[in-house]
Amino acid sequence: IKEYDYTYLKSLFGYIPQEPILMNTTIRDNILMGKTGISDKAIIECARKTGALKVINSKTERLNYVVGVKGSKVSGGEKQLIAITRALITNPHYLIMDEVTSALDNKSELQVNECLREITYSQHITGIQIAHRLSSIVNADVIHMLNQGEIIASGNHSELSETCEEYKLLVLEM
């Protein structure tokens, strides 16, 4: 593993955390997070795909809008859209999504899930979504059901609904 090019491997992955961390700086800087060579035009195009362009256009300073300490001047949904744009700005092959909708209201959850589904399919990105909410993963191609760190069942929603008792319980709670 020491022979792998770490920079190249890192470029293959995008990551969206459960609670995005935004710095007290501009939307542009929060999307780029130190990456160089990316134009405003590329940021705007990526933001259009993720839905963050609505956030950008709603601010008078657009990309120069300062989001406040820990993103205090934007909503939870807006933070998440900025974080999604950050994860996708370098066109990763794999997108790891860690409970990306857990802190969102139902309307924002639907918007973020639809955005992620559309992006991963249209750009041929392999999405790996970690979720406790069944509504976040119900449309996944493959779902791995875990219990204490062990995979106990795999399949799509229909298959697991028929074959996995633990999954059936989650469906009933939905």
N, C-alpha and C. Protein backbone atom coordinates (compact mmCIF):
# COMPACT_ATOMS: atom_id res chain seq x y z
N ILE A 1 0.83 -1.20 0.00
CA ILE A 1 0.00 0.00 0.00
C ILE A 1 0.87 1.27 0.00
N LYS A 2 2.10 1.14 0.48
CA LYS A 2 3.00 2.30 0.49
C LYS A 2 3.38 2.73 -0.92
N GLU A 3 3.21 1.84 -1.89
CA GLU A 3 3.57 2.15 -3.27
C GLU A 3 2.48 2.93 -4.00
N TYR A 4 1.29 2.99 -3.44
CA TYR A 4 0.20 3.73 -4.09
C TYR A 4 0.46 5.23 -4.00
N ASP A 5 0.03 5.92 -5.01
CA ASP A 5 0.12 7.38 -5.05
C ASP A 5 -1.04 7.93 -4.21
N TYR A 6 -0.73 8.40 -3.02
CA TYR A 6 -1.74 8.87 -2.07
C TYR A 6 -2.57 10.01 -2.66
N THR A 7 -1.93 10.94 -3.33
CA THR A 7 -2.65 12.08 -3.91
C THR A 7 -3.66 11.59 -4.95
N TYR A 8 -3.24 10.63 -5.78
CA TYR A 8 -4.15 10.09 -6.78
C TYR A 8 -5.31 9.36 -6.11
N LEU A 9 -5.04 8.51 -5.14
CA LEU A 9 -6.11 7.79 -4.45
C LEU A 9 -7.09 8.75 -3.80
N LYS A 10 -6.57 9.78 -3.17
CA LYS A 10 -7.42 10.77 -2.51
C LYS A 10 -8.30 11.49 -3.53
N SER A 11 -7.80 11.69 -4.73
CA SER A 11 -8.58 12.38 -5.76
C SER A 11 -9.76 11.55 -6.26
N LEU A 12 -9.74 10.26 -6.02
CA LEU A 12 -10.82 9.39 -6.47
C LEU A 12 -12.06 9.49 -5.60
N PHE A 13 -11.90 10.02 -4.38
CA PHE A 13 -12.98 10.01 -3.41
C PHE A 13 -13.48 11.41 -3.07
N GLY A 14 -14.80 11.50 -2.92
CA GLY A 14 -15.43 12.68 -2.36
C GLY A 14 -16.09 12.24 -1.07
N TYR A 15 -16.19 13.12 -0.10
CA TYR A 15 -16.76 12.76 1.20
C TYR A 15 -17.71 13.85 1.66
N ILE A 16 -18.91 13.41 2.07
CA ILE A 16 -19.89 14.34 2.63
C ILE A 16 -20.19 13.87 4.05
N PRO A 17 -19.79 14.65 5.04
CA PRO A 17 -20.01 14.23 6.43
C PRO A 17 -21.44 14.46 6.89
N GLN A 18 -21.77 13.85 8.01
CA GLN A 18 -23.09 14.01 8.61
C GLN A 18 -23.34 15.48 8.96
N GLU A 19 -22.39 16.08 9.61
CA GLU A 19 -22.50 17.49 9.99
C GLU A 19 -21.37 18.24 9.28
N PRO A 20 -21.69 18.89 8.15
CA PRO A 20 -20.62 19.58 7.41
C PRO A 20 -19.99 20.69 8.24
N ILE A 21 -18.71 20.81 8.08
CA ILE A 21 -17.97 21.86 8.78
C ILE A 21 -17.70 22.98 7.79
N LEU A 22 -18.22 24.14 8.10
CA LEU A 22 -17.96 25.31 7.27
C LEU A 22 -17.11 26.29 8.07
N MET A 23 -16.19 26.90 7.39
CA MET A 23 -15.31 27.89 8.01
C MET A 23 -15.93 29.28 7.86
N ASN A 24 -15.51 30.19 8.71
CA ASN A 24 -16.00 31.56 8.68
C ASN A 24 -15.32 32.31 7.53
N THR A 25 -15.66 31.85 6.33
CA THR A 25 -15.11 32.45 5.13
C THR A 25 -16.18 32.37 4.03
N THR A 26 -15.80 32.62 2.80
CA THR A 26 -16.77 32.70 1.71
C THR A 26 -17.29 31.32 1.29
N ILE A 27 -18.40 31.35 0.58
CA ILE A 27 -18.92 30.11 0.01
C ILE A 27 -17.87 29.51 -0.92
N ARG A 28 -17.21 30.35 -1.73
CA ARG A 28 -16.16 29.87 -2.64
C ARG A 28 -15.09 29.10 -1.86
N ASP A 29 -14.57 29.72 -0.82
CA ASP A 29 -13.50 29.09 -0.05
C ASP A 29 -13.97 27.81 0.64
N ASN A 30 -15.23 27.77 1.07
CA ASN A 30 -15.76 26.57 1.70
C ASN A 30 -15.95 25.44 0.71
N ILE A 31 -16.20 25.77 -0.54
CA ILE A 31 -16.30 24.73 -1.57
C ILE A 31 -14.91 24.25 -1.97
N LEU A 32 -13.99 25.17 -2.16
CA LEU A 32 -12.66 24.80 -2.63
C LEU A 32 -11.80 24.14 -1.55
N MET A 33 -11.92 24.59 -0.31
CA MET A 33 -11.13 24.05 0.80
C MET A 33 -9.66 23.83 0.44
N GLY A 34 -9.06 24.88 -0.14
CA GLY A 34 -7.64 24.84 -0.44
C GLY A 34 -7.29 24.29 -1.81
N LYS A 35 -8.26 23.74 -2.54
CA LYS A 35 -7.97 23.23 -3.89
C LYS A 35 -7.70 24.42 -4.79
N THR A 36 -6.76 24.25 -5.70
CA THR A 36 -6.40 25.34 -6.60
C THR A 36 -6.71 24.95 -8.04
N GLY A 37 -6.71 25.96 -8.89
CA GLY A 37 -6.90 25.71 -10.31
C GLY A 37 -8.35 25.47 -10.71
N ILE A 38 -9.29 25.80 -9.85
CA ILE A 38 -10.71 25.61 -10.16
C ILE A 38 -11.34 26.99 -10.33
N SER A 39 -11.91 27.22 -11.49
CA SER A 39 -12.48 28.54 -11.80
C SER A 39 -13.85 28.73 -11.15
N ASP A 40 -14.24 30.00 -11.06
CA ASP A 40 -15.60 30.30 -10.57
C ASP A 40 -16.64 29.68 -11.48
N LYS A 41 -16.36 29.64 -12.78
CA LYS A 41 -17.29 29.03 -13.73
C LYS A 41 -17.50 27.55 -13.38
N ALA A 42 -16.43 26.84 -13.05
CA ALA A 42 -16.53 25.42 -12.68
C ALA A 42 -17.29 25.26 -11.37
N ILE A 43 -17.07 26.18 -10.43
CA ILE A 43 -17.79 26.13 -9.15
C ILE A 43 -19.29 26.32 -9.40
N ILE A 44 -19.63 27.31 -10.21
CA ILE A 44 -21.04 27.60 -10.52
C ILE A 44 -21.68 26.40 -11.21
N GLU A 45 -20.99 25.78 -12.14
CA GLU A 45 -21.54 24.62 -12.86
C GLU A 45 -21.78 23.45 -11.89
N CYS A 46 -20.83 23.21 -11.02
CA CYS A 46 -20.99 22.14 -10.03
C CYS A 46 -22.14 22.48 -9.07
N ALA A 47 -22.21 23.73 -8.65
CA ALA A 47 -23.28 24.17 -7.75
C ALA A 47 -24.65 24.05 -8.42
N ARG A 48 -24.71 24.27 -9.72
CA ARG A 48 -25.96 24.09 -10.45
C ARG A 48 -26.42 22.64 -10.36
N LYS A 49 -25.49 21.71 -10.54
CA LYS A 49 -25.81 20.28 -10.49
C LYS A 49 -26.26 19.84 -9.10
N THR A 50 -25.68 20.44 -8.07
CA THR A 50 -25.98 20.01 -6.70
C THR A 50 -27.16 20.74 -6.07
N GLY A 51 -27.60 21.80 -6.71
CA GLY A 51 -28.68 22.59 -6.13
C GLY A 51 -28.18 23.74 -5.27
N ALA A 52 -26.88 23.82 -5.09
CA ALA A 52 -26.30 24.89 -4.27
C ALA A 52 -26.32 26.23 -4.98
N LEU A 53 -26.57 26.23 -6.28
CA LEU A 53 -26.61 27.51 -7.00
C LEU A 53 -27.76 28.38 -6.48
N LYS A 54 -28.84 27.75 -6.05
CA LYS A 54 -29.95 28.52 -5.46
C LYS A 54 -29.48 29.23 -4.19
N VAL A 55 -28.65 28.56 -3.42
CA VAL A 55 -28.09 29.15 -2.20
C VAL A 55 -27.20 30.33 -2.59
N ILE A 56 -26.31 30.10 -3.54
CA ILE A 56 -25.37 31.13 -3.98
C ILE A 56 -26.13 32.35 -4.52
N ASN A 57 -27.11 32.09 -5.37
CA ASN A 57 -27.86 33.19 -5.98
C ASN A 57 -28.74 33.94 -4.99
N SER A 58 -29.06 33.31 -3.86
CA SER A 58 -29.89 33.99 -2.87
C SER A 58 -29.09 34.97 -2.01
N LYS A 59 -27.79 34.94 -2.11
CA LYS A 59 -26.92 35.83 -1.33
C LYS A 59 -26.45 36.98 -2.21
N THR A 60 -26.49 38.17 -1.69
CA THR A 60 -26.11 39.33 -2.49
C THR A 60 -24.64 39.26 -2.94
N GLU A 61 -23.80 38.68 -2.12
CA GLU A 61 -22.38 38.59 -2.46
C GLU A 61 -22.04 37.33 -3.25
N ARG A 62 -23.04 36.47 -3.50
CA ARG A 62 -22.89 35.20 -4.24
C ARG A 62 -21.73 34.37 -3.70
N LEU A 63 -20.74 34.06 -4.50
CA LEU A 63 -19.62 33.21 -4.03
C LEU A 63 -18.80 33.89 -2.94
N ASN A 64 -18.89 35.21 -2.84
CA ASN A 64 -18.13 35.95 -1.83
C ASN A 64 -18.87 36.09 -0.51
N TYR A 65 -20.03 35.49 -0.40
CA TYR A 65 -20.81 35.56 0.85
C TYR A 65 -20.08 34.80 1.95
N VAL A 66 -19.88 35.44 3.09
CA VAL A 66 -19.22 34.82 4.24
C VAL A 66 -20.30 34.10 5.05
N VAL A 67 -20.11 32.80 5.26
CA VAL A 67 -21.15 31.95 5.86
C VAL A 67 -21.23 32.04 7.38
N GLY A 68 -20.28 32.71 8.01
CA GLY A 68 -20.30 32.84 9.46
C GLY A 68 -19.57 31.69 10.16
N VAL A 69 -19.35 31.87 11.44
CA VAL A 69 -18.65 30.85 12.24
C VAL A 69 -19.47 29.57 12.20
N LYS A 70 -18.83 28.48 11.79
CA LYS A 70 -19.47 27.16 11.65
C LYS A 70 -20.70 27.20 10.74
N GLY A 71 -20.72 28.14 9.81
CA GLY A 71 -21.85 28.26 8.89
C GLY A 71 -23.10 28.80 9.53
N SER A 72 -22.94 29.64 10.56
CA SER A 72 -24.08 30.14 11.33
C SER A 72 -25.03 31.04 10.52
N LYS A 73 -24.57 31.54 9.38
CA LYS A 73 -25.41 32.44 8.58
C LYS A 73 -26.13 31.73 7.43
N VAL A 74 -26.06 30.38 7.42
CA VAL A 74 -26.80 29.58 6.44
C VAL A 74 -27.55 28.47 7.17
N SER A 75 -28.60 27.96 6.53
CA SER A 75 -29.40 26.90 7.14
C SER A 75 -28.69 25.56 7.05
N GLY A 76 -29.22 24.56 7.74
CA GLY A 76 -28.65 23.21 7.69
C GLY A 76 -28.66 22.64 6.29
N GLY A 77 -29.76 22.85 5.57
CA GLY A 77 -29.86 22.38 4.20
C GLY A 77 -28.86 23.08 3.29
N GLU A 78 -28.69 24.39 3.49
CA GLU A 78 -27.72 25.14 2.69
C GLU A 78 -26.30 24.68 2.97
N LYS A 79 -26.00 24.41 4.24
CA LYS A 79 -24.67 23.88 4.60
C LYS A 79 -24.41 22.57 3.86
N GLN A 80 -25.42 21.69 3.86
CA GLN A 80 -25.26 20.39 3.25
C GLN A 80 -25.05 20.52 1.73
N LEU A 81 -25.76 21.44 1.09
CA LEU A 81 -25.57 21.65 -0.35
C LEU A 81 -24.18 22.18 -0.66
N ILE A 82 -23.66 23.04 0.19
CA ILE A 82 -22.28 23.53 0.02
C ILE A 82 -21.31 22.37 0.19
N ALA A 83 -21.55 21.51 1.19
CA ALA A 83 -20.67 20.35 1.42
C ALA A 83 -20.73 19.36 0.26
N ILE A 84 -21.91 19.18 -0.32
CA ILE A 84 -22.05 18.29 -1.47
C ILE A 84 -21.26 18.85 -2.65
N THR A 85 -21.37 20.15 -2.87
CA THR A 85 -20.62 20.79 -3.95
C THR A 85 -19.13 20.64 -3.70
N ARG A 86 -18.69 20.81 -2.47
CA ARG A 86 -17.28 20.62 -2.10
C ARG A 86 -16.81 19.21 -2.46
N ALA A 87 -17.64 18.22 -2.14
CA ALA A 87 -17.26 16.83 -2.39
C ALA A 87 -17.20 16.50 -3.88
N LEU A 88 -18.00 17.20 -4.68
CA LEU A 88 -18.10 16.88 -6.10
C LEU A 88 -17.28 17.78 -7.02
N ILE A 89 -16.68 18.84 -6.47
CA ILE A 89 -15.99 19.82 -7.30
C ILE A 89 -14.82 19.21 -8.06
N THR A 90 -14.24 18.14 -7.58
CA THR A 90 -13.10 17.51 -8.25
C THR A 90 -13.50 16.27 -9.06
N ASN A 91 -14.80 16.07 -9.27
CA ASN A 91 -15.29 14.94 -10.07
C ASN A 91 -14.77 13.59 -9.56
N PRO A 92 -15.09 13.23 -8.33
CA PRO A 92 -14.58 11.96 -7.78
C PRO A 92 -15.25 10.76 -8.46
N HIS A 93 -14.59 9.60 -8.35
CA HIS A 93 -15.17 8.35 -8.85
C HIS A 93 -16.08 7.73 -7.81
N TYR A 94 -15.77 7.97 -6.54
CA TYR A 94 -16.53 7.39 -5.43
C TYR A 94 -16.96 8.51 -4.50
N LEU A 95 -18.19 8.42 -4.03
CA LEU A 95 -18.72 9.44 -3.12
C LEU A 95 -19.18 8.75 -1.84
N ILE A 96 -18.52 9.06 -0.74
CA ILE A 96 -18.89 8.50 0.55
C ILE A 96 -19.77 9.52 1.26
N MET A 97 -20.97 9.07 1.62
CA MET A 97 -21.96 9.96 2.24
C MET A 97 -22.29 9.39 3.62
N ASP A 98 -21.90 10.11 4.64
CA ASP A 98 -22.08 9.64 6.01
C ASP A 98 -23.27 10.34 6.66
N GLU A 99 -24.42 9.68 6.65
CA GLU A 99 -25.62 10.23 7.29
C GLU A 99 -25.90 11.66 6.84
N VAL A 100 -25.84 11.89 5.54
CA VAL A 100 -25.93 13.26 5.02
C VAL A 100 -27.26 13.94 5.26
N THR A 101 -28.31 13.18 5.54
CA THR A 101 -29.63 13.81 5.73
C THR A 101 -30.12 13.74 7.17
N SER A 102 -29.30 13.24 8.08
CA SER A 102 -29.77 13.01 9.44
C SER A 102 -30.21 14.26 10.18
N ALA A 103 -29.60 15.40 9.87
CA ALA A 103 -29.93 16.64 10.59
C ALA A 103 -30.90 17.52 9.81
N LEU A 104 -31.46 16.99 8.73
CA LEU A 104 -32.32 17.80 7.87
C LEU A 104 -33.79 17.50 8.11
N ASP A 105 -34.64 18.50 7.82
CA ASP A 105 -36.08 18.26 7.87
C ASP A 105 -36.47 17.42 6.66
N ASN A 106 -37.70 16.93 6.63
CA ASN A 106 -38.14 16.01 5.57
C ASN A 106 -38.03 16.62 4.17
N LYS A 107 -38.39 17.88 4.03
CA LYS A 107 -38.32 18.55 2.72
C LYS A 107 -36.88 18.63 2.23
N SER A 108 -35.98 19.05 3.12
CA SER A 108 -34.56 19.15 2.75
C SER A 108 -33.97 17.77 2.48
N GLU A 109 -34.40 16.77 3.26
CA GLU A 109 -33.92 15.40 3.04
C GLU A 109 -34.28 14.92 1.64
N LEU A 110 -35.53 15.13 1.24
CA LEU A 110 -35.96 14.72 -0.10
C LEU A 110 -35.14 15.43 -1.18
N GLN A 111 -34.91 16.74 -0.98
CA GLN A 111 -34.15 17.52 -1.96
C GLN A 111 -32.71 17.00 -2.07
N VAL A 112 -32.06 16.77 -0.93
CA VAL A 112 -30.67 16.31 -0.93
C VAL A 112 -30.58 14.90 -1.51
N ASN A 113 -31.49 14.01 -1.13
CA ASN A 113 -31.46 12.64 -1.67
C ASN A 113 -31.66 12.63 -3.18
N GLU A 114 -32.59 13.43 -3.67
CA GLU A 114 -32.83 13.50 -5.11
C GLU A 114 -31.61 14.04 -5.83
N CYS A 115 -31.00 15.07 -5.27
CA CYS A 115 -29.79 15.65 -5.84
C CYS A 115 -28.68 14.61 -5.93
N LEU A 116 -28.45 13.90 -4.84
CA LEU A 116 -27.38 12.89 -4.81
C LEU A 116 -27.66 11.74 -5.77
N ARG A 117 -28.90 11.31 -5.84
CA ARG A 117 -29.27 10.22 -6.75
C ARG A 117 -29.02 10.64 -8.20
N GLU A 118 -29.46 11.85 -8.55
CA GLU A 118 -29.29 12.35 -9.91
C GLU A 118 -27.81 12.49 -10.26
N ILE A 119 -27.03 13.04 -9.35
CA ILE A 119 -25.61 13.26 -9.61
C ILE A 119 -24.86 11.94 -9.76
N THR A 120 -25.08 11.01 -8.85
CA THR A 120 -24.34 9.75 -8.92
C THR A 120 -24.67 8.99 -10.19
N TYR A 121 -25.95 9.00 -10.61
CA TYR A 121 -26.31 8.31 -11.85
C TYR A 121 -25.79 9.04 -13.07
N SER A 122 -25.99 10.34 -13.15
CA SER A 122 -25.62 11.08 -14.35
C SER A 122 -24.11 11.16 -14.55
N GLN A 123 -23.36 11.16 -13.47
CA GLN A 123 -21.91 11.28 -13.58
C GLN A 123 -21.19 9.95 -13.36
N HIS A 124 -21.95 8.88 -13.26
CA HIS A 124 -21.39 7.54 -13.07
C HIS A 124 -20.44 7.47 -11.88
N ILE A 125 -20.92 8.00 -10.77
CA ILE A 125 -20.16 7.97 -9.52
C ILE A 125 -20.71 6.84 -8.66
N THR A 126 -19.82 6.07 -8.09
CA THR A 126 -20.26 5.03 -7.16
C THR A 126 -20.50 5.69 -5.81
N GLY A 127 -21.73 5.64 -5.36
CA GLY A 127 -22.10 6.25 -4.08
C GLY A 127 -22.13 5.21 -2.98
N ILE A 128 -21.52 5.53 -1.87
CA ILE A 128 -21.53 4.68 -0.69
C ILE A 128 -22.20 5.50 0.40
N GLN A 129 -23.41 5.12 0.75
CA GLN A 129 -24.19 5.91 1.69
C GLN A 129 -24.34 5.16 3.01
N ILE A 130 -23.90 5.81 4.08
CA ILE A 130 -24.06 5.28 5.43
C ILE A 130 -25.30 5.94 6.00
N ALA A 131 -26.26 5.11 6.44
CA ALA A 131 -27.53 5.69 6.88
C ALA A 131 -28.20 4.83 7.93
N HIS A 132 -28.92 5.49 8.82
CA HIS A 132 -29.81 4.81 9.75
C HIS A 132 -31.25 4.94 9.29
N ARG A 133 -31.55 6.04 8.60
CA ARG A 133 -32.89 6.28 8.08
C ARG A 133 -33.09 5.48 6.80
N LEU A 134 -34.07 4.62 6.80
CA LEU A 134 -34.37 3.81 5.63
C LEU A 134 -34.73 4.68 4.43
N SER A 135 -35.40 5.79 4.67
CA SER A 135 -35.82 6.65 3.57
C SER A 135 -34.63 7.18 2.77
N SER A 136 -33.45 7.19 3.38
CA SER A 136 -32.25 7.69 2.70
C SER A 136 -31.69 6.69 1.70
N ILE A 137 -31.98 5.41 1.89
CA ILE A 137 -31.33 4.39 1.07
C ILE A 137 -32.29 3.49 0.31
N VAL A 138 -33.58 3.73 0.43
CA VAL A 138 -34.58 2.84 -0.13
C VAL A 138 -34.42 2.64 -1.64
N ASN A 139 -33.85 3.59 -2.35
CA ASN A 139 -33.66 3.48 -3.80
C ASN A 139 -32.27 2.99 -4.20
N ALA A 140 -31.46 2.58 -3.25
CA ALA A 140 -30.10 2.12 -3.55
C ALA A 140 -30.12 0.83 -4.35
N ASP A 141 -29.13 0.65 -5.20
CA ASP A 141 -29.01 -0.58 -5.98
C ASP A 141 -28.72 -1.78 -5.07
N VAL A 142 -27.83 -1.56 -4.11
CA VAL A 142 -27.48 -2.62 -3.17
C VAL A 142 -27.44 -2.02 -1.76
N ILE A 143 -28.09 -2.69 -0.85
CA ILE A 143 -28.10 -2.27 0.56
C ILE A 143 -27.45 -3.40 1.35
N HIS A 144 -26.50 -3.05 2.20
CA HIS A 144 -25.90 -4.03 3.10
C HIS A 144 -26.43 -3.74 4.49
N MET A 145 -27.11 -4.70 5.05
CA MET A 145 -27.68 -4.57 6.40
C MET A 145 -26.62 -5.04 7.39
N LEU A 146 -26.26 -4.16 8.34
CA LEU A 146 -25.24 -4.48 9.32
C LEU A 146 -25.85 -4.68 10.70
N ASN A 147 -25.25 -5.56 11.45
CA ASN A 147 -25.60 -5.75 12.85
C ASN A 147 -24.30 -5.95 13.62
N GLN A 148 -23.97 -5.04 14.49
CA GLN A 148 -22.74 -5.06 15.27
C GLN A 148 -21.50 -5.24 14.39
N GLY A 149 -21.49 -4.48 13.27
CA GLY A 149 -20.33 -4.46 12.39
C GLY A 149 -20.25 -5.60 11.40
N GLU A 150 -21.19 -6.51 11.41
CA GLU A 150 -21.20 -7.65 10.48
C GLU A 150 -22.32 -7.49 9.46
N ILE A 151 -22.03 -7.80 8.22
CA ILE A 151 -23.08 -7.79 7.19
C ILE A 151 -23.96 -9.02 7.41
N ILE A 152 -25.26 -8.76 7.65
CA ILE A 152 -26.18 -9.87 7.88
C ILE A 152 -27.07 -10.14 6.68
N ALA A 153 -27.16 -9.19 5.75
CA ALA A 153 -27.96 -9.38 4.54
C ALA A 153 -27.58 -8.32 3.52
N SER A 154 -27.73 -8.66 2.25
CA SER A 154 -27.48 -7.72 1.16
C SER A 154 -28.54 -7.90 0.09
N GLY A 155 -28.88 -6.80 -0.56
CA GLY A 155 -29.84 -6.84 -1.65
C GLY A 155 -30.44 -5.47 -1.84
N ASN A 156 -31.41 -5.37 -2.73
CA ASN A 156 -32.09 -4.09 -2.88
C ASN A 156 -33.27 -4.05 -1.90
N HIS A 157 -34.01 -2.97 -1.91
CA HIS A 157 -35.10 -2.78 -0.95
C HIS A 157 -36.13 -3.91 -1.04
N SER A 158 -36.54 -4.26 -2.24
CA SER A 158 -37.55 -5.31 -2.41
C SER A 158 -37.06 -6.65 -1.88
N GLU A 159 -35.82 -6.99 -2.22
CA GLU A 159 -35.27 -8.27 -1.79
C GLU A 159 -35.16 -8.34 -0.27
N LEU A 160 -34.63 -7.29 0.34
CA LEU A 160 -34.47 -7.29 1.79
C LEU A 160 -35.82 -7.25 2.51
N SER A 161 -36.79 -6.59 1.91
CA SER A 161 -38.13 -6.54 2.51
C SER A 161 -38.75 -7.93 2.60
N GLU A 162 -38.34 -8.80 1.71
CA GLU A 162 -38.88 -10.17 1.69
C GLU A 162 -38.06 -11.15 2.52
N THR A 163 -36.74 -10.90 2.63
CA THR A 163 -35.87 -11.95 3.18
C THR A 163 -35.22 -11.63 4.52
N CYS A 164 -35.16 -10.39 4.93
CA CYS A 164 -34.41 -10.02 6.14
C CYS A 164 -35.35 -9.49 7.22
N GLU A 165 -35.45 -10.20 8.31
CA GLU A 165 -36.36 -9.81 9.39
C GLU A 165 -35.99 -8.45 9.98
N GLU A 166 -34.71 -8.18 10.18
CA GLU A 166 -34.29 -6.90 10.73
C GLU A 166 -34.67 -5.75 9.80
N TYR A 167 -34.55 -5.99 8.51
CA TYR A 167 -34.91 -4.97 7.53
C TYR A 167 -36.42 -4.75 7.53
N LYS A 168 -37.17 -5.83 7.62
CA LYS A 168 -38.63 -5.73 7.67
C LYS A 168 -39.07 -4.85 8.83
N LEU A 169 -38.38 -4.95 9.97
CA LEU A 169 -38.70 -4.11 11.11
C LEU A 169 -38.48 -2.64 10.80
N LEU A 170 -37.40 -2.34 10.08
CA LEU A 170 -37.15 -0.95 9.70
C LEU A 170 -38.22 -0.44 8.75
N VAL A 171 -38.69 -1.29 7.84
CA VAL A 171 -39.74 -0.89 6.91
C VAL A 171 -41.02 -0.55 7.69
N LEU A 172 -41.32 -1.34 8.70
CA LEU A 172 -42.51 -1.09 9.50
C LEU A 172 -42.42 0.25 10.24
N GLU A 173 -41.22 0.64 10.64
CA GLU A 173 -41.01 1.90 11.37
C GLU A 173 -41.04 3.11 10.44
N MET A 174 -40.89 2.89 9.14
CA MET A 174 -40.79 3.97 8.16
C MET A 174 -42.07 4.75 8.03
